[in-house]
PDB file of N, CA and C in Angstrom:
ATOM      1  N   MET A   1     122.019 -50.476 103.968  1.00  0.00           N
ATOM      2  CA  MET A   1     120.894 -51.326 104.080  1.00  0.00           C
ATOM      3  C   MET A   1     120.143 -51.903 103.121  1.00  0.00           C
ATOM      4  N   ASN A   2     120.590 -50.794 101.840  1.00  0.00           N
ATOM      5  CA  ASN A   2     119.707 -51.080 101.003  1.00  0.00           C
ATOM      6  C   ASN A   2     120.921 -51.165  99.505  1.00  0.00           C
ATOM      7  N   SER A   3     121.342 -51.651  99.644  1.00  0.00           N
ATOM      8  CA  SER A   3     122.677 -52.484  98.609  1.00  0.00           C
ATOM      9  C   SER A   3     121.700 -53.433  97.693  1.00  0.00           C
ATOM     10  N   PRO A   4     122.271 -53.188  96.198  1.00  0.00           N
ATOM     11  CA  PRO A   4     121.431 -54.553  95.430  1.00  0.00           C
ATOM     12  C   PRO A   4     121.557 -55.674  96.092  1.00  0.00           C
ATOM     13  N   ALA A   5     122.893 -56.234  96.450  1.00  0.00           N
ATOM     14  CA  ALA A   5     122.971 -57.445  97.457  1.00  0.00           C
ATOM     15  C   ALA A   5     121.883 -57.635  98.250  1.00  0.00           C
ATOM     16  N   ARG A   6     121.605 -56.864  98.949  1.00  0.00           N
ATOM     17  CA  ARG A   6     120.571 -56.447 100.380  1.00  0.00           C
ATOM     18  C   ARG A   6     119.372 -57.508  99.482  1.00  0.00           C
ATOM     19  N   GLN A   7     118.559 -55.876  98.279  1.00  0.00           N
ATOM     20  CA  GLN A   7     117.702 -56.746  97.727  1.00  0.00           C
ATOM     21  C   GLN A   7     118.050 -58.235  97.368  1.00  0.00           C
ATOM     22  N   GLU A   8     118.733 -58.191  96.393  1.00  0.00           N
ATOM     23  CA  GLU A   8     118.468 -60.169  96.013  1.00  0.00           C
ATOM     24  C   GLU A   8     118.234 -60.877  97.023  1.00  0.00           C
ATOM     25  N   ALA A   9     119.138 -61.028  98.304  1.00  0.00           N
ATOM     26  CA  ALA A   9     119.337 -61.619  99.642  1.00  0.00           C
ATOM     27  C   ALA A   9     117.663 -61.638  99.643  1.00  0.00           C
ATOM     28  N   VAL A  10     117.417 -60.439  99.863  1.00  0.00           N
ATOM     29  CA  VAL A  10     115.795 -60.398 100.140  1.00  0.00           C
ATOM     30  C   VAL A  10     115.057 -61.058  99.562  1.00  0.00           C
ATOM     31  N   GLN A  11     115.005 -60.919  97.771  1.00  0.00           N
ATOM     32  CA  GLN A  11     114.084 -61.831  97.073  1.00  0.00           C
ATOM     33  C   GLN A  11     114.260 -62.975  97.165  1.00  0.00           C
ATOM     34  N   THR A  12     115.530 -63.544  97.772  1.00  0.00           N
ATOM     35  CA  THR A  12     115.660 -65.186  97.578  1.00  0.00           C
ATOM     36  C   THR A  12     114.925 -65.868  98.910  1.00  0.00           C
ATOM     37  N   LEU A  13     115.021 -64.799  99.513  1.00  0.00           N
ATOM     38  CA  LEU A  13     114.368 -65.530 101.262  1.00  0.00           C
ATOM     39  C   LEU A  13     112.682 -65.449 101.114  1.00  0.00           C
ATOM     40  N   LEU A  14     112.567 -64.400  99.985  1.00  0.00           N
ATOM     41  CA  LEU A  14     111.130 -64.547  99.742  1.00  0.00           C
ATOM     42  C   LEU A  14     110.684 -65.712  98.906  1.00  0.00           C
ATOM     43  N   GLY A  15     111.802 -66.235  98.328  1.00  0.00           N
ATOM     44  CA  GLY A  15     111.335 -67.077  97.252  1.00  0.00           C
ATOM     45  C   GLY A  15     111.461 -68.910  97.989  1.00  0.00           C
ATOM     46  N   MET A  16     111.430 -68.203  99.426  1.00  0.00           N
ATOM     47  CA  MET A  16     111.895 -69.693 100.355  1.00  0.00           C
ATOM     48  C   MET A  16     110.360 -70.286 101.006  1.00  0.00           C
ATOM     49  N   GLU A  17     110.019 -71.045 101.883  1.00  0.00           N
ATOM     50  CA  GLU A  17     108.654 -70.830 102.720  1.00  0.00           C
ATOM     51  C   GLU A  17     109.017 -69.751 103.967  1.00  0.00           C
ATOM     52  N   TRP A  18     108.332 -69.621 104.400  1.00  0.00           N
ATOM     53  CA  TRP A  18     107.872 -68.087 105.337  1.00  0.00           C
ATOM     54  C   TRP A  18     108.810 -69.192 106.554  1.00  0.00           C
ATOM     55  N   HIS A  19     108.025 -70.155 106.925  1.00  0.00           N
ATOM     56  CA  HIS A  19     108.790 -70.854 108.344  1.00  0.00           C
ATOM     57  C   HIS A  19     109.744 -71.137 108.434  1.00  0.00           C
ATOM     58  N   VAL A  20     110.206 -71.484 107.585  1.00  0.00           N
ATOM     59  CA  VAL A  20     112.174 -71.910 107.550  1.00  0.00           C
ATOM     60  C   VAL A  20     112.847 -70.197 107.327  1.00  0.00           C
ATOM     61  N   VAL A  21     112.136 -69.219 106.760  1.00  0.00           N
ATOM     62  CA  VAL A  21     112.682 -68.068 107.107  1.00  0.00           C
ATOM     63  C   VAL A  21     112.664 -67.431 108.612  1.00  0.00           C
ATOM     64  N   THR A  22     111.351 -67.675 108.822  1.00  0.00           N
ATOM     65  CA  THR A  22     111.036 -66.750 110.267  1.00  0.00           C
ATOM     66  C   THR A  22     111.778 -67.748 111.081  1.00  0.00           C
ATOM     67  N   ALA A  23     112.091 -69.173 110.966  1.00  0.00           N
ATOM     68  CA  ALA A  23     112.409 -69.736 111.852  1.00  0.00           C
ATOM     69  C   ALA A  23     114.095 -69.231 112.197  1.00  0.00           C
ATOM     70  N   HIS A  24     114.865 -68.726 111.154  1.00  0.00           N
ATOM     71  CA  HIS A  24     116.107 -68.479 111.205  1.00  0.00           C
ATOM     72  C   HIS A  24     116.248 -66.926 111.510  1.00  0.00           C
ATOM     73  N   LEU A  25     115.485 -66.345 111.385  1.00  0.00           N
ATOM     74  CA  LEU A  25     115.308 -64.448 111.737  1.00  0.00           C
ATOM     75  C   LEU A  25     114.875 -64.671 113.476  1.00  0.00           C
ATOM     76  N   ILE A  26     114.458 -65.491 114.326  1.00  0.00           N
ATOM     77  CA  ILE A  26     113.819 -65.306 115.302  1.00  0.00           C
ATOM     78  C   ILE A  26     114.925 -65.567 115.797  1.00  0.00           C
ATOM     79  N   HIS A  27     115.893 -66.744 115.302  1.00  0.00           N
ATOM     80  CA  HIS A  27     117.084 -66.687 116.005  1.00  0.00           C
ATOM     81  C   HIS A  27     118.335 -66.118 116.211  1.00  0.00           C
ATOM     82  N   VAL A  28     117.488 -65.267 115.095  1.00  0.00           N
ATOM     83  CA  VAL A  28     118.822 -64.053 115.254  1.00  0.00           C
ATOM     84  C   VAL A  28     118.265 -62.678 115.971  1.00  0.00           C
ATOM     85  N   LEU A  29     117.619 -62.811 116.435  1.00  0.00           N
ATOM     86  CA  LEU A  29     116.920 -61.876 117.060  1.00  0.00           C
ATOM     87  C   LEU A  29     116.712 -61.924 118.321  1.00  0.00           C
ATOM     88  N   LEU A  30     116.863 -63.983 118.818  1.00  0.00           N
ATOM     89  CA  LEU A  30     116.769 -63.753 120.177  1.00  0.00           C
ATOM     90  C   LEU A  30     118.211 -63.928 120.509  1.00  0.00           C
ATOM     91  N   ASP A  31     119.577 -63.992 119.304  1.00  0.00           N
ATOM     92  CA  ASP A  31     121.164 -64.287 120.076  1.00  0.00           C
ATOM     93  C   ASP A  31     121.834 -63.374 121.089  1.00  0.00           C
ATOM     94  N   GLN A  32     120.811 -61.920 120.260  1.00  0.00           N
ATOM     95  CA  GLN A  32     121.062 -60.396 121.302  1.00  0.00           C
ATOM     96  C   GLN A  32     122.911 -60.364 121.329  1.00  0.00           C
ATOM     97  N   GLY A  33     123.029 -60.982 120.441  1.00  0.00           N
ATOM     98  CA  GLY A  33     124.740 -60.174 120.823  1.00  0.00           C
ATOM     99  C   GLY A  33     125.641 -61.736 121.175  1.00  0.00           C
ATOM    100  N   LYS A  34     124.908 -62.899 122.063  1.00  0.00           N
ATOM    101  CA  LYS A  34     125.887 -63.712 122.956  1.00  0.00           C
ATOM    102  C   LYS A  34     126.876 -64.544 121.333  1.00  0.00           C
ATOM    103  N   THR A  35     126.435 -64.560 120.361  1.00  0.00           N
ATOM    104  CA  THR A  35     127.068 -65.881 119.542  1.00  0.00           C
ATOM    105  C   THR A  35     127.010 -64.978 118.109  1.00  0.00           C
ATOM    106  N   ILE A  36     126.929 -64.003 117.815  1.00  0.00           N
ATOM    107  CA  ILE A  36     126.432 -63.641 116.861  1.00  0.00           C
ATOM    108  C   ILE A  36     127.183 -61.905 117.015  1.00  0.00           C
ATOM    109  N   GLN A  37     128.112 -61.954 116.338  1.00  0.00           N
ATOM    110  CA  GLN A  37     129.194 -60.767 116.068  1.00  0.00           C
ATOM    111  C   GLN A  37     128.877 -59.329 115.661  1.00  0.00           C
ATOM    112  N   ASP A  38     128.502 -58.313 115.826  1.00  0.00           N
ATOM    113  CA  ASP A  38     127.554 -57.114 115.646  1.00  0.00           C
ATOM    114  C   ASP A  38     126.406 -57.475 115.345  1.00  0.00           C
ATOM    115  N   TRP A  39     125.839 -57.820 116.440  1.00  0.00           N
ATOM    116  CA  TRP A  39     124.257 -58.643 116.415  1.00  0.00           C
ATOM    117  C   TRP A  39     123.300 -57.254 116.036  1.00  0.00           C
ATOM    118  N   GLU A  40     123.431 -55.901 116.871  1.00  0.00           N
ATOM    119  CA  GLU A  40     123.064 -54.536 116.706  1.00  0.00           C
ATOM    120  C   GLU A  40     122.666 -54.447 115.507  1.00  0.00           C
ATOM    121  N   TYR A  41     123.619 -54.767 114.284  1.00  0.00           N
ATOM    122  CA  TYR A  41     123.717 -54.179 112.667  1.00  0.00           C
ATOM    123  C   TYR A  41     122.582 -55.248 112.367  1.00  0.00           C
ATOM    124  N   TYR A  42     123.102 -56.769 112.089  1.00  0.00           N
ATOM    125  CA  TYR A  42     122.021 -57.341 111.734  1.00  0.00           C
ATOM    126  C   TYR A  42     120.290 -57.414 112.042  1.00  0.00           C
ATOM    127  N   ALA A  43     120.098 -57.175 113.442  1.00  0.00           N
ATOM    128  CA  ALA A  43     119.359 -57.428 113.625  1.00  0.00           C
ATOM    129  C   ALA A  43     117.858 -55.907 113.947  1.00  0.00           C
ATOM    130  N   GLU A  44     118.769 -54.483 113.495  1.00  0.00           N
ATOM    131  CA  GLU A  44     118.354 -54.000 112.949  1.00  0.00           C
ATOM    132  C   GLU A  44     117.762 -54.230 111.387  1.00  0.00           C
ATOM    133  N   GLY A  45     118.839 -54.828 110.131  1.00  0.00           N
ATOM    134  CA  GLY A  45     118.560 -54.703 109.541  1.00  0.00           C
ATOM    135  C   GLY A  45     117.531 -55.532 109.079  1.00  0.00           C
ATOM    136  N   LEU A  46     116.957 -56.663 109.779  1.00  0.00           N
ATOM    137  CA  LEU A  46     116.346 -57.752 109.932  1.00  0.00           C
ATOM    138  C   LEU A  46     115.021 -56.925 109.782  1.00  0.00           C
ATOM    139  N   CYS A  47     114.735 -56.485 111.079  1.00  0.00           N
ATOM    140  CA  CYS A  47     113.754 -55.695 111.340  1.00  0.00           C
ATOM    141  C   CYS A  47     113.218 -54.584 110.072  1.00  0.00           C
ATOM    142  N   SER A  48     114.124 -54.130 109.801  1.00  0.00           N
ATOM    143  CA  SER A  48     114.196 -52.742 108.639  1.00  0.00           C
ATOM    144  C   SER A  48     113.213 -53.788 107.872  1.00  0.00           C
ATOM    145  N   MET A  49     113.968 -54.831 107.138  1.00  0.00           N
ATOM    146  CA  MET A  49     113.147 -55.470 106.028  1.00  0.00           C
ATOM    147  C   MET A  49     112.106 -56.365 106.519  1.00  0.00           C
ATOM    148  N   LEU A  50     111.765 -56.512 107.975  1.00  0.00           N
ATOM    149  CA  LEU A  50     110.569 -57.133 108.285  1.00  0.00           C
ATOM    150  C   LEU A  50     109.370 -56.101 107.956  1.00  0.00           C
ATOM    151  N   GLY A  51     110.035 -54.775 107.716  1.00  0.00           N
ATOM    152  CA  GLY A  51     109.003 -53.873 107.680  1.00  0.00           C
ATOM    153  C   GLY A  51     107.994 -53.134 106.639  1.00  0.00           C
ATOM    154  N   LYS A  52     109.076 -53.930 105.458  1.00  0.00           N
ATOM    155  CA  LYS A  52     108.761 -53.913 104.050  1.00  0.00           C
ATOM    156  C   LYS A  52     108.729 -54.909 103.197  1.00  0.00           C
ATOM    157  N   ILE A  53     108.745 -56.144 104.047  1.00  0.00           N
ATOM    158  CA  ILE A  53     107.942 -57.114 103.323  1.00  0.00           C
ATOM    159  C   ILE A  53     106.380 -57.856 103.695  1.00  0.00           C
ATOM    160  N   PRO A  54     106.167 -59.007 103.087  1.00  0.00           N
ATOM    161  CA  PRO A  54     104.357 -59.662 103.389  1.00  0.00           C
ATOM    162  C   PRO A  54     104.644 -60.111 104.938  1.00  0.00           C
ATOM    163  N   GLU A  55     103.360 -59.353 105.266  1.00  0.00           N
ATOM    164  CA  GLU A  55     102.949 -59.391 106.880  1.00  0.00           C
ATOM    165  C   GLU A  55     103.799 -60.872 107.775  1.00  0.00           C
ATOM    166  N   VAL A  56     103.419 -61.780 106.713  1.00  0.00           N
ATOM    167  CA  VAL A  56     103.668 -62.811 107.828  1.00  0.00           C
ATOM    168  C   VAL A  56     104.533 -63.323 108.478  1.00  0.00           C
ATOM    169  N   TYR A  57     105.986 -62.731 107.672  1.00  0.00           N
ATOM    170  CA  TYR A  57     107.031 -62.708 108.309  1.00  0.00           C
ATOM    171  C   TYR A  57     107.203 -62.112 109.996  1.00  0.00           C
ATOM    172  N   ALA A  58     106.628 -61.008 109.197  1.00  0.00           N
ATOM    173  CA  ALA A  58     106.696 -60.399 110.693  1.00  0.00           C
ATOM    174  C   ALA A  58     106.003 -60.320 111.791  1.00  0.00           C
ATOM    175  N   SER A  59     104.624 -60.765 111.342  1.00  0.00           N
ATOM    176  CA  SER A  59     103.885 -61.588 112.047  1.00  0.00           C
ATOM    177  C   SER A  59     104.270 -63.329 113.164  1.00  0.00           C
ATOM    178  N   HIS A  60     104.996 -63.931 112.792  1.00  0.00           N
ATOM    179  CA  HIS A  60     105.421 -64.402 113.103  1.00  0.00           C
ATOM    180  C   HIS A  60     106.731 -64.273 114.327  1.00  0.00           C
ATOM    181  N   CYS A  61     107.162 -63.314 113.873  1.00  0.00           N
ATOM    182  CA  CYS A  61     108.873 -62.392 114.702  1.00  0.00           C
ATOM    183  C   CYS A  61     107.949 -61.649 115.355  1.00  0.00           C
ATOM    184  N   ALA A  62     106.732 -61.235 115.734  1.00  0.00           N
ATOM    185  CA  ALA A  62     106.140 -60.437 116.452  1.00  0.00           C
ATOM    186  C   ALA A  62     106.216 -60.780 118.113  1.00  0.00           C
ATOM    187  N   PRO A  63     106.213 -62.349 118.485  1.00  0.00           N
ATOM    188  CA  PRO A  63     106.621 -62.166 119.810  1.00  0.00           C
ATOM    189  C   PRO A  63     107.850 -61.746 120.465  1.00  0.00           C
ATOM    190  N   VAL A  64     108.700 -61.827 119.597  1.00  0.00           N
ATOM    191  CA  VAL A  64     109.960 -62.216 120.199  1.00  0.00           C
ATOM    192  C   VAL A  64     110.131 -60.469 120.036  1.00  0.00           C
ATOM    193  N   ILE A  65     109.879 -59.872 118.550  1.00  0.00           N
ATOM    194  CA  ILE A  65     110.085 -58.066 118.241  1.00  0.00           C
ATOM    195  C   ILE A  65     109.418 -57.131 119.981  1.00  0.00           C
ATOM    196  N   ALA A  66     108.465 -57.872 120.836  1.00  0.00           N
ATOM    197  CA  ALA A  66     107.515 -57.320 121.148  1.00  0.00           C
ATOM    198  C   ALA A  66     108.333 -57.965 122.779  1.00  0.00           C
ATOM    199  N   TRP A  67     108.538 -58.821 122.818  1.00  0.00           N
ATOM    200  CA  TRP A  67     109.670 -58.826 124.190  1.00  0.00           C
ATOM    201  C   TRP A  67     110.901 -58.106 124.490  1.00  0.00           C
ATOM    202  N   LEU A  68     112.146 -58.045 123.015  1.00  0.00           N
ATOM    203  CA  LEU A  68     113.051 -57.674 122.818  1.00  0.00           C
ATOM    204  C   LEU A  68     112.731 -55.720 123.572  1.00  0.00           C
ATOM    205  N   LEU A  69     111.591 -55.177 122.688  1.00  0.00           N
ATOM    206  CA  LEU A  69     111.078 -54.150 122.899  1.00  0.00           C
ATOM    207  C   LEU A  69     111.117 -54.179 125.079  1.00  0.00           C
ATOM    208  N   SER A  70     110.491 -55.110 125.358  1.00  0.00           N
ATOM    209  CA  SER A  70     110.373 -54.861 126.279  1.00  0.00           C
ATOM    210  C   SER A  70     111.961 -54.974 127.791  1.00  0.00           C
ATOM    211  N   GLN A  71     113.043 -55.262 127.073  1.00  0.00           N
ATOM    212  CA  GLN A  71     114.216 -55.378 127.644  1.00  0.00           C
ATOM    213  C   GLN A  71     114.798 -54.502 128.028  1.00  0.00           C
ATOM    214  N   SER A  72     115.528 -54.095 129.040  1.00  0.00           N
ATOM    215  CA  SER A  72     115.996 -52.869 129.311  1.00  0.00           C
ATOM    216  C   SER A  72     117.527 -53.093 129.097  1.00  0.00           C
ATOM    217  N   ASP A  73     118.292 -54.384 129.006  1.00  0.00           N
ATOM    218  CA  ASP A  73     119.862 -54.199 128.722  1.00  0.00           C
ATOM    219  C   ASP A  73     120.098 -54.830 127.015  1.00  0.00           C
ATOM    220  N   LEU A  74     119.426 -54.241 126.116  1.00  0.00           N
ATOM    221  CA  LEU A  74     119.405 -54.212 124.746  1.00  0.00           C
ATOM    222  C   LEU A  74     120.962 -53.095 124.758  1.00  0.00           C
ATOM    223  N   PRO A  75     121.810 -53.671 123.844  1.00  0.00           N
ATOM    224  CA  PRO A  75     123.040 -52.775 123.819  1.00  0.00           C
ATOM    225  C   PRO A  75     122.725 -51.793 123.723  1.00  0.00           C
ATOM    226  N   ALA A  76     123.540 -50.339 124.362  1.00  0.00           N
ATOM    227  CA  ALA A  76     123.111 -49.026 124.342  1.00  0.00           C
ATOM    228  C   ALA A  76     123.083 -48.457 122.574  1.00  0.00           C
ATOM    229  N   ASP A  77     124.047 -49.276 121.694  1.00  0.00           N
ATOM    230  CA  ASP A  77     124.066 -48.700 120.309  1.00  0.00           C
ATOM    231  C   ASP A  77     122.615 -49.485 119.691  1.00  0.00           C
ATOM    232  N   PHE A  78     121.953 -50.444 120.489  1.00  0.00           N
ATOM    233  CA  PHE A  78     120.877 -50.764 119.217  1.00  0.00           C
ATOM    234  C   PHE A  78     119.634 -49.267 119.497  1.00  0.00           C
ATOM    235  N   ASP A  79     118.938 -49.295 117.574  1.00  0.00           N
ATOM    236  CA  ASP A  79     118.003 -48.642 118.008  1.00  0.00           C
ATOM    237  C   ASP A  79     117.215 -49.490 117.717  1.00  0.00           C
ATOM    238  N   ARG A  80     115.862 -49.126 118.760  1.00  0.00           N
ATOM    239  CA  ARG A  80     114.672 -49.933 119.452  1.00  0.00           C
ATOM    240  C   ARG A  80     113.925 -49.377 117.967  1.00  0.00           C
ATOM    241  N   ALA A  81     114.028 -47.998 117.479  1.00  0.00           N
ATOM    242  CA  ALA A  81     113.144 -47.828 116.423  1.00  0.00           C
ATOM    243  C   ALA A  81     112.702 -48.515 115.161  1.00  0.00           C
ATOM    244  N   TYR A  82     113.819 -49.352 115.108  1.00  0.00           N
ATOM    245  CA  TYR A  82     113.580 -50.639 113.609  1.00  0.00           C
ATOM    246  C   TYR A  82     113.011 -51.526 113.990  1.00  0.00           C
ATOM    247  N   LEU A  83     112.550 -52.320 115.826  1.00  0.00           N
ATOM    248  CA  LEU A  83     111.685 -52.779 116.421  1.00  0.00           C
ATOM    249  C   LEU A  83     110.519 -52.540 115.977  1.00  0.00           C
ATOM    250  N   PHE A  84     110.254 -51.391 115.814  1.00  0.00           N
ATOM    251  CA  PHE A  84     108.892 -50.393 115.808  1.00  0.00           C
ATOM    252  C   PHE A  84     108.635 -50.851 114.544  1.00  0.00           C
ATOM    253  N   GLU A  85     109.379 -50.444 113.553  1.00  0.00           N
ATOM    254  CA  GLU A  85     109.441 -50.443 112.053  1.00  0.00           C
ATOM    255  C   GLU A  85     109.169 -51.542 111.658  1.00  0.00           C
ATOM    256  N   ALA A  86     109.333 -52.979 112.216  1.00  0.00           N
ATOM    257  CA  ALA A  86     108.650 -54.342 112.013  1.00  0.00           C
ATOM    258  C   ALA A  86     107.689 -54.505 112.666  1.00  0.00           C
ATOM    259  N   LEU A  87     107.025 -54.076 113.616  1.00  0.00           N
ATOM    260  CA  LEU A  87     105.591 -54.010 113.915  1.00  0.00           C
ATOM    261  C   LEU A  87     104.730 -53.505 113.315  1.00  0.00           C
ATOM    262  N   LYS A  88     105.347 -52.259 112.130  1.00  0.00           N
ATOM    263  CA  LYS A  88     104.655 -51.024 111.795  1.00  0.00           C
ATOM    264  C   LYS A  88     103.491 -51.736 111.040  1.00  0.00           C
ATOM    265  N   THR A  89     103.400 -52.882 110.250  1.00  0.00           N
ATOM    266  CA  THR A  89     102.991 -53.283 108.734  1.00  0.00           C
ATOM    267  C   THR A  89     102.254 -54.365 109.652  1.00  0.00           C
ATOM    268  N   LEU A  90     101.679 -54.315 110.816  1.00  0.00           N
ATOM    269  CA  LEU A  90     100.769 -55.565 111.054  1.00  0.00           C
ATOM    270  C   LEU A  90      99.620 -55.270 112.065  1.00  0.00           C
ATOM    271  N   SER A  91      98.677 -55.638 111.306  1.00  0.00           N
ATOM    272  CA  SER A  91      97.062 -55.044 111.544  1.00  0.00           C
ATOM    273  C   SER A  91      96.924 -55.030 113.208  1.00  0.00           C
ATOM    274  N   LYS A  92      95.983 -54.745 113.921  1.00  0.00           N
ATOM    275  CA  LYS A  92      95.512 -54.561 115.141  1.00  0.00           C
ATOM    276  C   LYS A  92      95.510 -56.323 115.965  1.00  0.00           C
ATOM    277  N   ASP A  93      94.657 -56.646 115.158  1.00  0.00           N
ATOM    278  CA  ASP A  93      93.654 -57.714 115.149  1.00  0.00           C
ATOM    279  C   ASP A  93      95.443 -59.207 115.149  1.00  0.00           C
ATOM    280  N   THR A  94      96.555 -58.904 114.101  1.00  0.00           N
ATOM    281  CA  THR A  94      97.249 -59.467 114.219  1.00  0.00           C
ATOM    282  C   THR A  94      98.159 -59.552 115.456  1.00  0.00           C
ATOM    283  N   ILE A  95      98.175 -58.207 116.033  1.00  0.00           N
ATOM    284  CA  ILE A  95      99.379 -58.010 116.880  1.00  0.00           C
ATOM    285  C   ILE A  95      98.770 -58.782 118.327  1.00  0.00           C
ATOM    286  N   THR A  96      97.846 -58.621 118.577  1.00  0.00           N
ATOM    287  CA  THR A  96      96.314 -58.990 119.610  1.00  0.00           C
ATOM    288  C   THR A  96      96.540 -60.378 119.401  1.00  0.00           C
ATOM    289  N   GLU A  97      96.532 -61.408 117.921  1.00  0.00           N
ATOM    290  CA  GLU A  97      96.331 -62.442 117.985  1.00  0.00           C
ATOM    291  C   GLU A  97      98.248 -63.180 118.655  1.00  0.00           C
ATOM    292  N   LYS A  98      99.025 -62.759 117.561  1.00  0.00           N
ATOM    293  CA  LYS A  98     100.120 -63.164 117.970  1.00  0.00           C
ATOM    294  C   LYS A  98     101.369 -62.560 119.486  1.00  0.00           C
ATOM    295  N   VAL A  99     101.260 -61.407 119.919  1.00  0.00           N
ATOM    296  CA  VAL A  99     101.295 -60.951 121.036  1.00  0.00           C
ATOM    297  C   VAL A  99     100.282 -60.929 122.106  1.00  0.00           C
ATOM    298  N   ALA A 100      99.547 -60.397 122.746  1.00  0.00           N
ATOM    299  CA  ALA A 100      98.935 -60.140 123.708  1.00  0.00           C
ATOM    300  C   ALA A 100      97.948 -61.730 123.909  1.00  0.00           C
ATOM    301  N   ARG A 101      97.809 -62.388 123.246  1.00  0.00           N
ATOM    302  CA  ARG A 101      97.341 -63.604 123.743  1.00  0.00           C
ATOM    303  C   ARG A 101      98.236 -64.873 123.559  1.00  0.00           C
ATOM    304  N   LYS A 102      98.994 -64.986 123.576  1.00  0.00           N
ATOM    305  CA  LYS A 102     100.134 -65.850 123.873  1.00  0.00           C
ATOM    306  C   LYS A 102     101.577 -65.660 124.548  1.00  0.00           C
ATOM    307  N   PRO A 103     101.431 -64.881 125.936  1.00  0.00           N
ATOM    308  CA  PRO A 103     102.416 -64.174 126.484  1.00  0.00           C
ATOM    309  C   PRO A 103     103.467 -65.882 126.739  1.00  0.00           C
ATOM    310  N   CYS A 104     102.480 -66.886 127.204  1.00  0.00           N
ATOM    311  CA  CYS A 104     102.878 -68.390 127.715  1.00  0.00           C
ATOM    312  C   CYS A 104     103.503 -68.972 126.684  1.00  0.00           C
ATOM    313  N   SER A 105     102.616 -68.991 125.353  1.00  0.00           N
ATOM    314  CA  SER A 105     103.187 -70.090 124.344  1.00  0.00           C
ATOM    315  C   SER A 105     104.978 -69.246 123.853  1.00  0.00           C
ATOM    316  N   LEU A 106     104.875 -68.102 124.088  1.00  0.00           N
ATOM    317  CA  LEU A 106     106.009 -66.948 123.936  1.00  0.00           C
ATOM    318  C   LEU A 106     107.309 -67.402 124.844  1.00  0.00           C
ATOM    319  N   MET A 107     107.161 -67.331 125.872  1.00  0.00           N
ATOM    320  CA  MET A 107     108.164 -67.645 127.115  1.00  0.00           C
ATOM    321  C   MET A 107     108.791 -69.179 127.035  1.00  0.00           C
ATOM    322  N   ALA A 108     107.760 -70.538 126.892  1.00  0.00           N
ATOM    323  CA  ALA A 108     107.865 -71.645 126.293  1.00  0.00           C
ATOM    324  C   ALA A 108     108.637 -71.739 125.085  1.00  0.00           C
ATOM    325  N   GLY A 109     108.559 -71.040 124.298  1.00  0.00           N
ATOM    326  CA  GLY A 109     109.311 -71.212 123.224  1.00  0.00           C
ATOM    327  C   GLY A 109     110.764 -70.419 123.291  1.00  0.00           C
ATOM    328  N   MET A 110     110.504 -69.814 123.834  1.00  0.00           N
ATOM    329  CA  MET A 110     111.921 -68.956 124.452  1.00  0.00           C
ATOM    330  C   MET A 110     112.805 -69.814 125.565  1.00  0.00           C
ATOM    331  N   ASN A 111     112.199 -70.323 126.184  1.00  0.00           N
ATOM    332  CA  ASN A 111     113.162 -71.109 127.323  1.00  0.00           C
ATOM    333  C   ASN A 111     113.612 -72.272 126.138  1.00  0.00           C
ATOM    334  N   ARG A 112     112.894 -72.912 125.216  1.00  0.00           N
ATOM    335  CA  ARG A 112     113.576 -73.820 124.848  1.00  0.00           C
ATOM    336  C   ARG A 112     114.603 -73.532 123.950  1.00  0.00           C
ATOM    337  N   HIS A 113     114.259 -72.416 123.323  1.00  0.00           N
ATOM    338  CA  HIS A 113     115.712 -71.873 122.940  1.00  0.00           C
ATOM    339  C   HIS A 113     116.945 -71.698 124.064  1.00  0.00           C
ATOM    340  N   ILE A 114     116.152 -71.066 124.931  1.00  0.00           N
ATOM    341  CA  ILE A 114     117.560 -70.935 126.132  1.00  0.00           C
ATOM    342  C   ILE A 114     118.347 -72.271 126.323  1.00  0.00           C
ATOM    343  N   ARG A 115     117.019 -73.307 126.311  1.00  0.00           N
ATOM    344  CA  ARG A 115     117.859 -74.761 126.673  1.00  0.00           C
ATOM    345  C   ARG A 115     118.725 -75.423 125.560  1.00  0.00           C
ATOM    346  N   SER A 116     118.220 -75.296 124.418  1.00  0.00           N
ATOM    347  CA  SER A 116     118.989 -75.578 123.054  1.00  0.00           C
ATOM    348  C   SER A 116     120.349 -74.992 123.054  1.00  0.00           C
ATOM    349  N   ARG A 117     120.472 -73.726 123.015  1.00  0.00           N
ATOM    350  CA  ARG A 117     121.406 -73.187 123.433  1.00  0.00           C
ATOM    351  C   ARG A 117     122.538 -73.457 123.993  1.00  0.00           C
ATOM    352  N   ALA A 118     121.571 -74.146 125.527  1.00  0.00           N
ATOM    353  CA  ALA A 118     123.227 -74.293 126.639  1.00  0.00           C
ATOM    354  C   ALA A 118     123.686 -75.688 126.619  1.00  0.00           C
ATOM    355  N   ARG A 119     122.472 -76.415 125.619  1.00  0.00           N
ATOM    356  CA  ARG A 119     123.188 -77.746 125.297  1.00  0.00           C
ATOM    357  C   ARG A 119     124.428 -77.399 124.558  1.00  0.00           C
ATOM    358  N   MET A 120     124.389 -76.590 123.428  1.00  0.00           N
ATOM    359  CA  MET A 120     125.314 -76.586 122.923  1.00  0.00           C
ATOM    360  C   MET A 120     126.319 -75.906 123.055  1.00  0.00           C
ATOM    361  N   GLU A 121     126.244 -75.424 124.199  1.00  0.00           N
ATOM    362  CA  GLU A 121     127.725 -74.674 124.525  1.00  0.00           C
ATOM    363  C   GLU A 121     128.402 -75.738 125.693  1.00  0.00           C
TER     364      GLU A 121
END
């Protein structure tokens, strides 16, 4: 996960607008291996990256990360420690704002994602 190519990819992502990047990161995290082969590897890498880049990225992914932490059916080889790594950089206020106060908007967004995926299949 610390290859020079990875560092270059992270720098490229940081050069893009955060909302474009986080939309794709959220898409990957929500996939849970349904369409992305080796999802565990990619999700762990994304969470590791989120713990090392500016907070704005992790703060917008935080509701999905919190939701993943609550799931009991994640793949057995998925290391939940990476989810915590992504959240560790967030302030208490950010976690309260993004996770604790917005469960309804999180569920609505996830339901939209699930419906759009169903239409694509």
